[in-house]
N, C-alpha and C. Protein backbone atom coordinates (compact mmCIF):
# COMPACT_ATOMS: atom_id res chain seq x y z
N MET A 1 -203.45 -57.38 -25.65
CA MET A 1 -204.15 -58.32 -26.48
C MET A 1 -204.70 -59.44 -25.60
N ALA A 2 -205.95 -59.77 -25.80
CA ALA A 2 -206.61 -60.79 -24.99
C ALA A 2 -206.07 -62.19 -25.30
N ILE A 3 -206.15 -63.03 -24.29
CA ILE A 3 -205.77 -64.44 -24.41
C ILE A 3 -206.92 -65.25 -23.83
N LEU A 4 -207.40 -66.24 -24.59
CA LEU A 4 -208.51 -67.07 -24.14
C LEU A 4 -208.02 -68.50 -24.00
N ARG A 5 -208.30 -69.09 -22.82
CA ARG A 5 -207.93 -70.49 -22.57
C ARG A 5 -209.19 -71.28 -22.27
N LEU A 6 -209.38 -72.36 -23.01
CA LEU A 6 -210.52 -73.24 -22.78
C LEU A 6 -210.15 -74.29 -21.74
N GLU A 7 -211.16 -74.93 -21.20
CA GLU A 7 -210.95 -75.94 -20.16
C GLU A 7 -210.10 -77.10 -20.66
N ASP A 8 -210.16 -77.40 -21.95
CA ASP A 8 -209.36 -78.51 -22.49
C ASP A 8 -207.91 -78.13 -22.76
N GLY A 9 -207.53 -76.88 -22.43
CA GLY A 9 -206.16 -76.42 -22.61
C GLY A 9 -205.92 -75.65 -23.88
N THR A 10 -206.89 -75.64 -24.80
CA THR A 10 -206.75 -74.87 -26.03
C THR A 10 -206.62 -73.39 -25.69
N THR A 11 -205.67 -72.73 -26.33
CA THR A 11 -205.46 -71.30 -26.09
C THR A 11 -205.60 -70.54 -27.40
N TYR A 12 -206.32 -69.43 -27.36
CA TYR A 12 -206.50 -68.57 -28.53
C TYR A 12 -205.93 -67.19 -28.24
N THR A 13 -205.22 -66.64 -29.21
CA THR A 13 -204.78 -65.25 -29.16
C THR A 13 -205.29 -64.47 -30.36
N ASN A 14 -205.82 -65.17 -31.34
CA ASN A 14 -206.36 -64.56 -32.53
C ASN A 14 -207.73 -63.96 -32.22
N THR A 15 -207.91 -62.71 -32.59
CA THR A 15 -209.15 -61.99 -32.28
C THR A 15 -210.40 -62.70 -32.79
N GLU A 16 -210.35 -63.21 -34.02
CA GLU A 16 -211.53 -63.86 -34.59
C GLU A 16 -211.90 -65.11 -33.81
N GLU A 17 -210.90 -65.89 -33.40
CA GLU A 17 -211.17 -67.12 -32.63
C GLU A 17 -211.72 -66.78 -31.25
N ILE A 18 -211.15 -65.75 -30.63
CA ILE A 18 -211.63 -65.32 -29.31
C ILE A 18 -213.08 -64.84 -29.42
N ASP A 19 -213.34 -64.01 -30.43
CA ASP A 19 -214.70 -63.49 -30.62
C ASP A 19 -215.70 -64.62 -30.85
N ARG A 20 -215.31 -65.64 -31.62
CA ARG A 20 -216.19 -66.78 -31.88
C ARG A 20 -216.56 -67.49 -30.58
N GLU A 21 -215.59 -67.73 -29.72
CA GLU A 21 -215.85 -68.40 -28.44
C GLU A 21 -216.69 -67.53 -27.51
N LEU A 22 -216.38 -66.24 -27.44
CA LEU A 22 -217.13 -65.34 -26.56
C LEU A 22 -218.55 -65.11 -27.05
N ALA A 23 -218.76 -65.20 -28.36
CA ALA A 23 -220.11 -65.01 -28.93
C ALA A 23 -221.09 -66.03 -28.38
N ARG A 24 -220.60 -67.22 -28.02
CA ARG A 24 -221.48 -68.24 -27.44
C ARG A 24 -222.11 -67.77 -26.13
N LEU A 25 -221.45 -66.81 -25.48
CA LEU A 25 -221.95 -66.25 -24.22
C LEU A 25 -222.48 -64.83 -24.40
N ASN A 26 -222.53 -64.36 -25.63
CA ASN A 26 -222.95 -62.99 -25.94
C ASN A 26 -222.06 -61.94 -25.28
N ILE A 27 -220.79 -62.28 -25.07
CA ILE A 27 -219.83 -61.35 -24.48
C ILE A 27 -219.21 -60.52 -25.59
N ASN A 28 -219.17 -59.22 -25.38
CA ASN A 28 -218.57 -58.30 -26.33
C ASN A 28 -217.20 -57.88 -25.82
N LEU A 29 -216.17 -58.11 -26.62
CA LEU A 29 -214.80 -57.69 -26.32
C LEU A 29 -214.35 -56.79 -27.45
N SER A 30 -213.90 -55.59 -27.11
CA SER A 30 -213.46 -54.61 -28.11
C SER A 30 -212.15 -53.98 -27.67
N HIS A 31 -211.47 -53.41 -28.64
CA HIS A 31 -210.24 -52.67 -28.37
C HIS A 31 -210.60 -51.19 -28.43
N TRP A 32 -210.44 -50.48 -27.31
CA TRP A 32 -210.69 -49.04 -27.25
C TRP A 32 -209.37 -48.36 -26.91
N THR A 33 -209.01 -47.36 -27.65
CA THR A 33 -207.76 -46.66 -27.39
C THR A 33 -207.90 -45.70 -26.21
N THR A 34 -206.81 -45.49 -25.52
CA THR A 34 -206.78 -44.47 -24.45
C THR A 34 -206.24 -43.16 -24.99
N GLY A 35 -205.94 -43.11 -26.27
CA GLY A 35 -205.46 -41.88 -26.89
C GLY A 35 -203.97 -41.68 -26.68
N ASP A 36 -203.51 -40.51 -27.09
CA ASP A 36 -202.08 -40.25 -26.99
C ASP A 36 -201.76 -38.99 -26.19
N ASP A 37 -202.72 -38.52 -25.40
CA ASP A 37 -202.49 -37.36 -24.55
C ASP A 37 -201.39 -37.70 -23.54
N PRO A 38 -200.26 -36.99 -23.57
CA PRO A 38 -199.14 -37.31 -22.68
C PRO A 38 -199.52 -37.28 -21.19
N GLU A 39 -200.39 -36.35 -20.80
CA GLU A 39 -200.80 -36.26 -19.39
C GLU A 39 -201.54 -37.53 -18.97
N ILE A 40 -202.46 -37.99 -19.81
CA ILE A 40 -203.23 -39.19 -19.49
C ILE A 40 -202.30 -40.41 -19.46
N GLN A 41 -201.40 -40.50 -20.41
CA GLN A 41 -200.47 -41.63 -20.44
C GLN A 41 -199.58 -41.64 -19.19
N GLN A 42 -199.17 -40.47 -18.71
CA GLN A 42 -198.40 -40.39 -17.46
C GLN A 42 -199.23 -40.85 -16.27
N LEU A 43 -200.48 -40.45 -16.23
CA LEU A 43 -201.35 -40.87 -15.13
C LEU A 43 -201.57 -42.38 -15.16
N LEU A 44 -201.75 -42.94 -16.35
CA LEU A 44 -201.96 -44.38 -16.46
C LEU A 44 -200.72 -45.16 -16.02
N ALA A 45 -199.55 -44.57 -16.16
CA ALA A 45 -198.31 -45.25 -15.78
C ALA A 45 -198.08 -45.23 -14.27
N LYS A 46 -198.77 -44.36 -13.54
CA LYS A 46 -198.61 -44.29 -12.09
C LYS A 46 -199.26 -45.50 -11.43
N GLU A 47 -198.68 -45.96 -10.33
CA GLU A 47 -199.26 -47.10 -9.63
C GLU A 47 -200.60 -46.77 -8.99
N SER A 48 -200.68 -45.63 -8.33
CA SER A 48 -201.95 -45.23 -7.71
C SER A 48 -202.29 -43.83 -8.18
N LEU A 49 -203.55 -43.47 -8.03
CA LEU A 49 -204.02 -42.16 -8.45
C LEU A 49 -204.82 -41.51 -7.34
N GLU A 50 -204.63 -40.21 -7.21
CA GLU A 50 -205.45 -39.44 -6.29
C GLU A 50 -206.81 -39.22 -6.95
N ASP A 51 -207.80 -38.84 -6.14
CA ASP A 51 -209.16 -38.67 -6.67
C ASP A 51 -209.21 -37.69 -7.83
N ARG A 52 -208.50 -36.57 -7.73
CA ARG A 52 -208.52 -35.57 -8.82
C ARG A 52 -207.89 -36.14 -10.09
N GLU A 53 -206.90 -37.02 -9.94
CA GLU A 53 -206.29 -37.65 -11.11
C GLU A 53 -207.25 -38.65 -11.75
N LYS A 54 -208.00 -39.37 -10.92
CA LYS A 54 -209.01 -40.28 -11.46
C LYS A 54 -210.05 -39.51 -12.27
N VAL A 55 -210.49 -38.38 -11.74
CA VAL A 55 -211.47 -37.55 -12.44
C VAL A 55 -210.90 -37.11 -13.79
N ARG A 56 -209.65 -36.71 -13.81
CA ARG A 56 -209.02 -36.26 -15.06
C ARG A 56 -209.00 -37.39 -16.09
N VAL A 57 -208.65 -38.60 -15.67
CA VAL A 57 -208.63 -39.75 -16.58
C VAL A 57 -210.04 -40.03 -17.09
N LEU A 58 -211.01 -40.07 -16.20
CA LEU A 58 -212.39 -40.32 -16.61
C LEU A 58 -212.88 -39.29 -17.62
N GLU A 59 -212.60 -38.03 -17.35
CA GLU A 59 -213.02 -36.96 -18.26
C GLU A 59 -212.36 -37.12 -19.64
N ALA A 60 -211.11 -37.53 -19.67
CA ALA A 60 -210.40 -37.70 -20.94
C ALA A 60 -210.99 -38.84 -21.77
N LEU A 61 -211.62 -39.80 -21.10
CA LEU A 61 -212.18 -40.97 -21.79
C LEU A 61 -213.70 -40.92 -21.91
N ASP A 62 -214.29 -39.78 -21.61
CA ASP A 62 -215.75 -39.68 -21.54
C ASP A 62 -216.47 -39.80 -22.87
N ASP A 63 -215.78 -39.75 -24.00
CA ASP A 63 -216.47 -39.99 -25.27
C ASP A 63 -217.12 -41.37 -25.26
N TYR A 64 -216.41 -42.35 -24.70
CA TYR A 64 -216.97 -43.71 -24.61
C TYR A 64 -218.19 -43.72 -23.69
N PHE A 65 -218.09 -43.02 -22.56
CA PHE A 65 -219.21 -42.97 -21.61
C PHE A 65 -220.42 -42.31 -22.26
N GLU A 66 -220.21 -41.22 -22.96
CA GLU A 66 -221.32 -40.53 -23.62
C GLU A 66 -222.01 -41.45 -24.62
N GLU A 67 -221.23 -42.24 -25.35
CA GLU A 67 -221.82 -43.19 -26.30
C GLU A 67 -222.64 -44.26 -25.57
N LEU A 68 -222.11 -44.78 -24.45
CA LEU A 68 -222.84 -45.78 -23.68
C LEU A 68 -224.11 -45.19 -23.07
N LYS A 69 -224.06 -43.95 -22.65
CA LYS A 69 -225.25 -43.29 -22.12
C LYS A 69 -226.32 -43.18 -23.20
N ARG A 70 -225.92 -42.75 -24.38
CA ARG A 70 -226.87 -42.57 -25.50
C ARG A 70 -227.45 -43.90 -25.97
N ASN A 71 -226.60 -44.88 -26.14
CA ASN A 71 -227.01 -46.13 -26.80
C ASN A 71 -227.50 -47.22 -25.86
N ALA A 72 -227.09 -47.17 -24.58
CA ALA A 72 -227.44 -48.28 -23.69
C ALA A 72 -227.95 -47.84 -22.32
N GLY A 73 -228.14 -46.55 -22.11
CA GLY A 73 -228.75 -46.09 -20.87
C GLY A 73 -227.84 -46.08 -19.65
N TYR A 74 -226.53 -46.09 -19.85
CA TYR A 74 -225.62 -46.05 -18.70
C TYR A 74 -225.72 -44.69 -18.03
N GLN A 75 -225.64 -44.71 -16.68
CA GLN A 75 -225.86 -43.51 -15.89
C GLN A 75 -224.62 -43.02 -15.14
N SER A 76 -223.71 -43.92 -14.82
CA SER A 76 -222.55 -43.50 -14.04
C SER A 76 -221.34 -44.36 -14.40
N ARG A 77 -220.18 -43.87 -13.98
CA ARG A 77 -218.95 -44.62 -14.18
C ARG A 77 -217.98 -44.23 -13.08
N ASP A 78 -217.04 -45.10 -12.82
CA ASP A 78 -215.97 -44.78 -11.89
C ASP A 78 -214.69 -45.43 -12.38
N LEU A 79 -213.61 -45.16 -11.70
CA LEU A 79 -212.32 -45.73 -12.05
C LEU A 79 -211.78 -46.46 -10.84
N ILE A 80 -211.57 -47.75 -11.02
CA ILE A 80 -210.99 -48.54 -9.93
C ILE A 80 -209.51 -48.76 -10.25
N VAL A 81 -208.68 -48.57 -9.24
CA VAL A 81 -207.23 -48.72 -9.38
C VAL A 81 -206.77 -49.73 -8.34
N LEU A 82 -206.29 -50.87 -8.81
CA LEU A 82 -205.82 -51.93 -7.91
C LEU A 82 -204.33 -52.17 -8.17
N HIS A 83 -203.59 -52.33 -7.08
CA HIS A 83 -202.15 -52.59 -7.17
C HIS A 83 -201.70 -53.28 -5.89
N PRO A 84 -200.51 -53.88 -5.90
CA PRO A 84 -200.07 -54.69 -4.75
C PRO A 84 -199.98 -53.95 -3.42
N GLN A 85 -199.83 -52.63 -3.43
CA GLN A 85 -199.67 -51.90 -2.17
C GLN A 85 -200.99 -51.57 -1.48
N ILE A 86 -202.11 -51.93 -2.07
CA ILE A 86 -203.40 -51.70 -1.41
C ILE A 86 -203.47 -52.69 -0.24
N PRO A 87 -203.62 -52.19 1.00
CA PRO A 87 -203.55 -53.07 2.17
C PRO A 87 -204.57 -54.21 2.18
N ASN A 88 -205.77 -54.00 1.72
CA ASN A 88 -206.82 -55.01 1.78
C ASN A 88 -207.13 -55.59 0.39
N LEU A 89 -206.13 -55.64 -0.48
CA LEU A 89 -206.35 -56.07 -1.86
C LEU A 89 -206.96 -57.47 -1.95
N ASP A 90 -206.41 -58.43 -1.22
CA ASP A 90 -206.94 -59.80 -1.29
C ASP A 90 -208.38 -59.87 -0.79
N GLU A 91 -208.68 -59.14 0.26
CA GLU A 91 -210.06 -59.11 0.78
C GLU A 91 -211.00 -58.49 -0.24
N LEU A 92 -210.58 -57.42 -0.86
CA LEU A 92 -211.39 -56.77 -1.89
C LEU A 92 -211.65 -57.71 -3.06
N LEU A 93 -210.61 -58.40 -3.52
CA LEU A 93 -210.75 -59.32 -4.66
C LEU A 93 -211.56 -60.56 -4.32
N SER A 94 -211.62 -60.94 -3.05
CA SER A 94 -212.33 -62.16 -2.67
C SER A 94 -213.82 -62.09 -2.97
N LYS A 95 -214.35 -60.89 -3.17
CA LYS A 95 -215.76 -60.74 -3.52
C LYS A 95 -216.04 -61.23 -4.94
N PHE A 96 -214.99 -61.33 -5.76
CA PHE A 96 -215.21 -61.60 -7.18
C PHE A 96 -214.51 -62.85 -7.68
N ASP A 97 -213.76 -63.54 -6.81
CA ASP A 97 -213.02 -64.72 -7.27
C ASP A 97 -213.80 -66.02 -7.09
N ARG A 98 -215.09 -65.89 -6.79
CA ARG A 98 -216.02 -67.04 -6.78
C ARG A 98 -217.00 -66.84 -7.92
N VAL A 99 -217.56 -67.95 -8.40
CA VAL A 99 -218.51 -67.86 -9.50
C VAL A 99 -219.76 -67.11 -9.03
N HIS A 100 -220.15 -66.12 -9.84
CA HIS A 100 -221.31 -65.30 -9.51
C HIS A 100 -221.93 -64.76 -10.79
N THR A 101 -223.08 -64.15 -10.63
CA THR A 101 -223.76 -63.45 -11.71
C THR A 101 -224.12 -62.06 -11.21
N HIS A 102 -224.61 -61.23 -12.12
CA HIS A 102 -225.13 -59.91 -11.77
C HIS A 102 -226.47 -59.73 -12.46
N ALA A 103 -227.33 -58.91 -11.87
CA ALA A 103 -228.62 -58.59 -12.48
C ALA A 103 -228.46 -57.67 -13.68
N ASP A 104 -227.37 -56.91 -13.73
CA ASP A 104 -227.06 -56.03 -14.85
C ASP A 104 -225.80 -56.51 -15.55
N ASP A 105 -225.57 -56.00 -16.74
CA ASP A 105 -224.32 -56.30 -17.44
C ASP A 105 -223.13 -55.79 -16.61
N GLU A 106 -222.03 -56.50 -16.69
CA GLU A 106 -220.78 -56.04 -16.08
C GLU A 106 -219.94 -55.48 -17.23
N VAL A 107 -219.71 -54.18 -17.19
CA VAL A 107 -219.04 -53.49 -18.29
C VAL A 107 -217.77 -52.85 -17.75
N ARG A 108 -216.64 -53.22 -18.37
CA ARG A 108 -215.34 -52.74 -17.93
C ARG A 108 -214.50 -52.30 -19.12
N TYR A 109 -213.78 -51.22 -18.92
CA TYR A 109 -212.81 -50.73 -19.90
C TYR A 109 -211.46 -50.75 -19.19
N ILE A 110 -210.65 -51.72 -19.53
CA ILE A 110 -209.34 -51.89 -18.90
C ILE A 110 -208.39 -50.89 -19.56
N ILE A 111 -207.92 -49.91 -18.79
CA ILE A 111 -207.08 -48.87 -19.36
C ILE A 111 -205.61 -49.01 -18.99
N GLU A 112 -205.32 -49.90 -18.04
CA GLU A 112 -203.94 -50.19 -17.69
C GLU A 112 -203.93 -51.49 -16.92
N GLY A 113 -202.90 -52.30 -17.14
CA GLY A 113 -202.79 -53.56 -16.43
C GLY A 113 -203.58 -54.66 -17.10
N GLU A 114 -203.92 -55.67 -16.29
CA GLU A 114 -204.62 -56.83 -16.84
C GLU A 114 -205.34 -57.60 -15.74
N GLY A 115 -206.31 -58.39 -16.15
CA GLY A 115 -207.06 -59.23 -15.23
C GLY A 115 -207.59 -60.44 -15.97
N ILE A 116 -208.17 -61.36 -15.22
CA ILE A 116 -208.70 -62.59 -15.79
C ILE A 116 -210.18 -62.71 -15.44
N PHE A 117 -211.00 -62.83 -16.48
CA PHE A 117 -212.40 -63.16 -16.32
C PHE A 117 -212.55 -64.64 -16.65
N GLY A 118 -213.17 -65.39 -15.76
CA GLY A 118 -213.51 -66.77 -16.03
C GLY A 118 -215.00 -66.85 -16.30
N PHE A 119 -215.40 -67.77 -17.18
CA PHE A 119 -216.80 -67.89 -17.56
C PHE A 119 -217.23 -69.35 -17.55
N VAL A 120 -218.51 -69.56 -17.25
CA VAL A 120 -219.12 -70.87 -17.32
C VAL A 120 -220.13 -70.83 -18.47
N ARG A 121 -219.91 -71.68 -19.46
CA ARG A 121 -220.85 -71.73 -20.59
C ARG A 121 -222.11 -72.49 -20.17
N PRO A 122 -223.20 -72.34 -20.91
CA PRO A 122 -224.43 -73.07 -20.58
C PRO A 122 -224.24 -74.59 -20.55
N ASP A 123 -223.29 -75.12 -21.32
CA ASP A 123 -223.03 -76.56 -21.30
C ASP A 123 -222.15 -76.97 -20.12
N GLY A 124 -221.78 -76.00 -19.25
CA GLY A 124 -220.99 -76.28 -18.07
C GLY A 124 -219.49 -76.16 -18.27
N LYS A 125 -219.03 -76.10 -19.51
CA LYS A 125 -217.60 -75.95 -19.76
C LYS A 125 -217.15 -74.55 -19.35
N GLN A 126 -215.90 -74.48 -18.93
CA GLN A 126 -215.37 -73.21 -18.44
C GLN A 126 -214.25 -72.70 -19.36
N LEU A 127 -214.08 -71.38 -19.34
CA LEU A 127 -213.00 -70.75 -20.08
C LEU A 127 -212.56 -69.53 -19.32
N GLU A 128 -211.32 -69.11 -19.59
CA GLU A 128 -210.83 -67.90 -18.93
C GLU A 128 -210.23 -66.97 -19.97
N LEU A 129 -210.49 -65.70 -19.78
CA LEU A 129 -210.05 -64.66 -20.68
C LEU A 129 -209.14 -63.71 -19.93
N THR A 130 -207.89 -63.65 -20.35
CA THR A 130 -206.98 -62.64 -19.82
C THR A 130 -207.19 -61.40 -20.68
N ILE A 131 -207.62 -60.34 -20.03
CA ILE A 131 -207.92 -59.10 -20.73
C ILE A 131 -206.87 -58.07 -20.34
N GLN A 132 -206.39 -57.36 -21.34
CA GLN A 132 -205.30 -56.41 -21.13
C GLN A 132 -205.68 -55.05 -21.70
N ALA A 133 -205.03 -54.03 -21.18
CA ALA A 133 -205.29 -52.67 -21.66
C ALA A 133 -204.82 -52.53 -23.11
N PRO A 134 -205.56 -51.77 -23.89
CA PRO A 134 -206.82 -51.09 -23.63
C PRO A 134 -207.99 -51.85 -24.25
N GLU A 135 -208.61 -52.69 -23.47
CA GLU A 135 -209.73 -53.49 -23.96
C GLU A 135 -210.99 -53.23 -23.14
N TYR A 136 -212.10 -53.34 -23.82
CA TYR A 136 -213.43 -53.13 -23.26
C TYR A 136 -214.16 -54.47 -23.30
N ILE A 137 -214.85 -54.79 -22.21
CA ILE A 137 -215.63 -56.03 -22.17
C ILE A 137 -217.01 -55.75 -21.59
N ASN A 138 -218.00 -56.41 -22.18
CA ASN A 138 -219.36 -56.35 -21.67
C ASN A 138 -219.81 -57.78 -21.42
N VAL A 139 -219.98 -58.12 -20.14
CA VAL A 139 -220.43 -59.45 -19.72
C VAL A 139 -221.93 -59.32 -19.44
N PRO A 140 -222.78 -60.01 -20.22
CA PRO A 140 -224.22 -59.86 -20.05
C PRO A 140 -224.72 -60.28 -18.67
N ALA A 141 -225.77 -59.63 -18.23
CA ALA A 141 -226.44 -59.99 -16.98
C ALA A 141 -226.75 -61.48 -16.98
N GLY A 142 -226.58 -62.10 -15.82
CA GLY A 142 -226.90 -63.51 -15.68
C GLY A 142 -225.80 -64.47 -16.10
N THR A 143 -224.71 -63.97 -16.65
CA THR A 143 -223.60 -64.82 -17.07
C THR A 143 -222.79 -65.25 -15.85
N GLU A 144 -222.63 -66.57 -15.68
CA GLU A 144 -221.80 -67.06 -14.58
C GLU A 144 -220.34 -66.74 -14.90
N HIS A 145 -219.68 -66.07 -13.97
CA HIS A 145 -218.29 -65.67 -14.18
C HIS A 145 -217.59 -65.43 -12.85
N TRP A 146 -216.29 -65.22 -12.93
CA TRP A 146 -215.47 -64.82 -11.79
C TRP A 146 -214.38 -63.91 -12.33
N PHE A 147 -213.68 -63.24 -11.43
CA PHE A 147 -212.61 -62.33 -11.83
C PHE A 147 -211.47 -62.43 -10.84
N CYS A 148 -210.25 -62.35 -11.35
CA CYS A 148 -209.06 -62.27 -10.50
C CYS A 148 -207.99 -61.49 -11.24
N LEU A 149 -207.00 -61.08 -10.52
CA LEU A 149 -205.86 -60.40 -11.14
C LEU A 149 -204.84 -61.43 -11.61
N THR A 150 -204.03 -61.04 -12.57
CA THR A 150 -202.90 -61.86 -12.99
C THR A 150 -201.77 -61.65 -11.98
N PRO A 151 -200.66 -62.38 -12.10
CA PRO A 151 -199.54 -62.16 -11.18
C PRO A 151 -198.99 -60.74 -11.17
N VAL A 152 -199.28 -59.96 -12.20
CA VAL A 152 -198.87 -58.55 -12.23
C VAL A 152 -199.56 -57.78 -11.10
N ARG A 153 -200.79 -58.19 -10.76
CA ARG A 153 -201.59 -57.60 -9.68
C ARG A 153 -201.78 -56.09 -9.82
N ARG A 154 -201.98 -55.65 -11.05
CA ARG A 154 -202.23 -54.23 -11.32
C ARG A 154 -203.31 -54.12 -12.37
N ILE A 155 -204.24 -53.23 -12.10
CA ILE A 155 -205.27 -52.94 -13.11
C ILE A 155 -205.88 -51.58 -12.81
N LYS A 156 -206.16 -50.87 -13.88
CA LYS A 156 -206.98 -49.66 -13.81
C LYS A 156 -208.13 -49.92 -14.77
N ALA A 157 -209.35 -49.81 -14.26
CA ALA A 157 -210.51 -50.12 -15.08
C ALA A 157 -211.62 -49.11 -14.83
N VAL A 158 -212.19 -48.64 -15.93
CA VAL A 158 -213.39 -47.81 -15.84
C VAL A 158 -214.57 -48.78 -15.76
N ARG A 159 -215.40 -48.59 -14.75
CA ARG A 159 -216.59 -49.42 -14.58
C ARG A 159 -217.80 -48.56 -14.94
N TYR A 160 -218.67 -49.11 -15.78
CA TYR A 160 -219.86 -48.40 -16.23
C TYR A 160 -221.10 -49.06 -15.62
N PHE A 161 -222.05 -48.23 -15.19
CA PHE A 161 -223.24 -48.73 -14.50
C PHE A 161 -224.52 -48.12 -15.06
N THR A 162 -225.55 -48.95 -15.20
CA THR A 162 -226.89 -48.40 -15.42
C THR A 162 -227.48 -48.07 -14.05
N THR A 163 -227.24 -48.95 -13.07
CA THR A 163 -227.54 -48.70 -11.66
C THR A 163 -226.46 -49.42 -10.87
N THR A 164 -226.25 -49.08 -9.64
CA THR A 164 -225.28 -49.80 -8.83
C THR A 164 -225.91 -51.01 -8.15
N GLU A 165 -227.24 -51.02 -8.02
CA GLU A 165 -227.90 -52.14 -7.36
C GLU A 165 -227.75 -53.44 -8.14
N GLY A 166 -227.80 -53.36 -9.46
CA GLY A 166 -227.74 -54.55 -10.29
C GLY A 166 -226.37 -55.16 -10.41
N TRP A 167 -225.40 -54.52 -9.78
CA TRP A 167 -224.04 -55.00 -9.91
C TRP A 167 -223.60 -55.86 -8.72
N THR A 168 -224.44 -55.99 -7.73
CA THR A 168 -224.12 -56.82 -6.57
C THR A 168 -223.97 -58.27 -7.01
N PRO A 169 -222.86 -58.96 -6.61
CA PRO A 169 -222.69 -60.34 -7.03
C PRO A 169 -223.71 -61.28 -6.38
N GLN A 170 -224.25 -62.17 -7.19
CA GLN A 170 -225.13 -63.24 -6.72
C GLN A 170 -224.34 -64.53 -6.91
N TYR A 171 -223.85 -65.10 -5.81
CA TYR A 171 -222.97 -66.26 -5.90
C TYR A 171 -223.74 -67.51 -6.26
N THR A 172 -223.11 -68.34 -7.10
CA THR A 172 -223.70 -69.62 -7.49
C THR A 172 -222.90 -70.72 -6.78
N GLU A 173 -223.33 -71.91 -6.95
CA GLU A 173 -222.65 -73.05 -6.33
C GLU A 173 -221.62 -73.69 -7.28
N THR A 174 -221.43 -73.09 -8.44
CA THR A 174 -220.52 -73.66 -9.44
C THR A 174 -219.08 -73.60 -8.94
N GLU A 175 -218.40 -74.73 -9.03
CA GLU A 175 -217.00 -74.80 -8.63
C GLU A 175 -216.11 -74.42 -9.81
N ILE A 176 -215.09 -73.63 -9.55
CA ILE A 176 -214.15 -73.25 -10.61
C ILE A 176 -213.20 -74.43 -10.85
N ARG A 177 -213.18 -74.90 -12.09
CA ARG A 177 -212.26 -75.98 -12.46
C ARG A 177 -211.00 -75.45 -13.11
N LEU A 178 -211.07 -74.25 -13.65
CA LEU A 178 -209.90 -73.60 -14.24
C LEU A 178 -209.26 -72.76 -13.14
N HIS A 179 -208.01 -72.95 -12.90
CA HIS A 179 -207.33 -72.16 -11.87
C HIS A 179 -206.20 -71.41 -12.52
N PRO A 180 -206.44 -70.14 -12.84
CA PRO A 180 -205.40 -69.34 -13.48
C PRO A 180 -204.25 -69.07 -12.51
N LEU A 181 -203.17 -68.61 -13.07
CA LEU A 181 -202.02 -68.24 -12.26
C LEU A 181 -202.26 -66.84 -11.72
N ALA A 182 -203.30 -66.71 -10.91
CA ALA A 182 -203.67 -65.41 -10.36
C ALA A 182 -202.69 -65.00 -9.29
N GLY A 183 -202.61 -63.68 -9.12
CA GLY A 183 -201.70 -63.14 -8.11
C GLY A 183 -202.31 -63.02 -6.77
């Protein structure tokens, strides 16, 4: 279940309140199930996955991808698996823990673990959203945001792309005033 914290310290856990705040940024947050297939649930419980296991998970969840392809023109998807034993984890995350935008929407389906998206509203106020499995988020192109892991430092997320070129971060000069308890 998502948790939203505003810059003034207000915290929301109620879906309607979270949706109201995210609507100001045109961010879509939804709950998507990962199903009850025992094989997929076992794979999601593993810390790391081999390539063939990633393919199996993606294939099991491809109904969502097919819908995104039909309705929004998405062309590809992958599965990113982050956990504390990845040797260059901090270096990898450093690309996203500064305020940036993308030319395309940033679309993620968190299927295990959790992470924090921070956002800058047009009025300059900041908020952070802790997103947990199994939740789907669509951050519109041009939205100032950042991402970090929670202290759990584990996440499995399906990333959806219309193109990979539009996903390159464009860093802004905005300073993060909200500092989550990131891992």
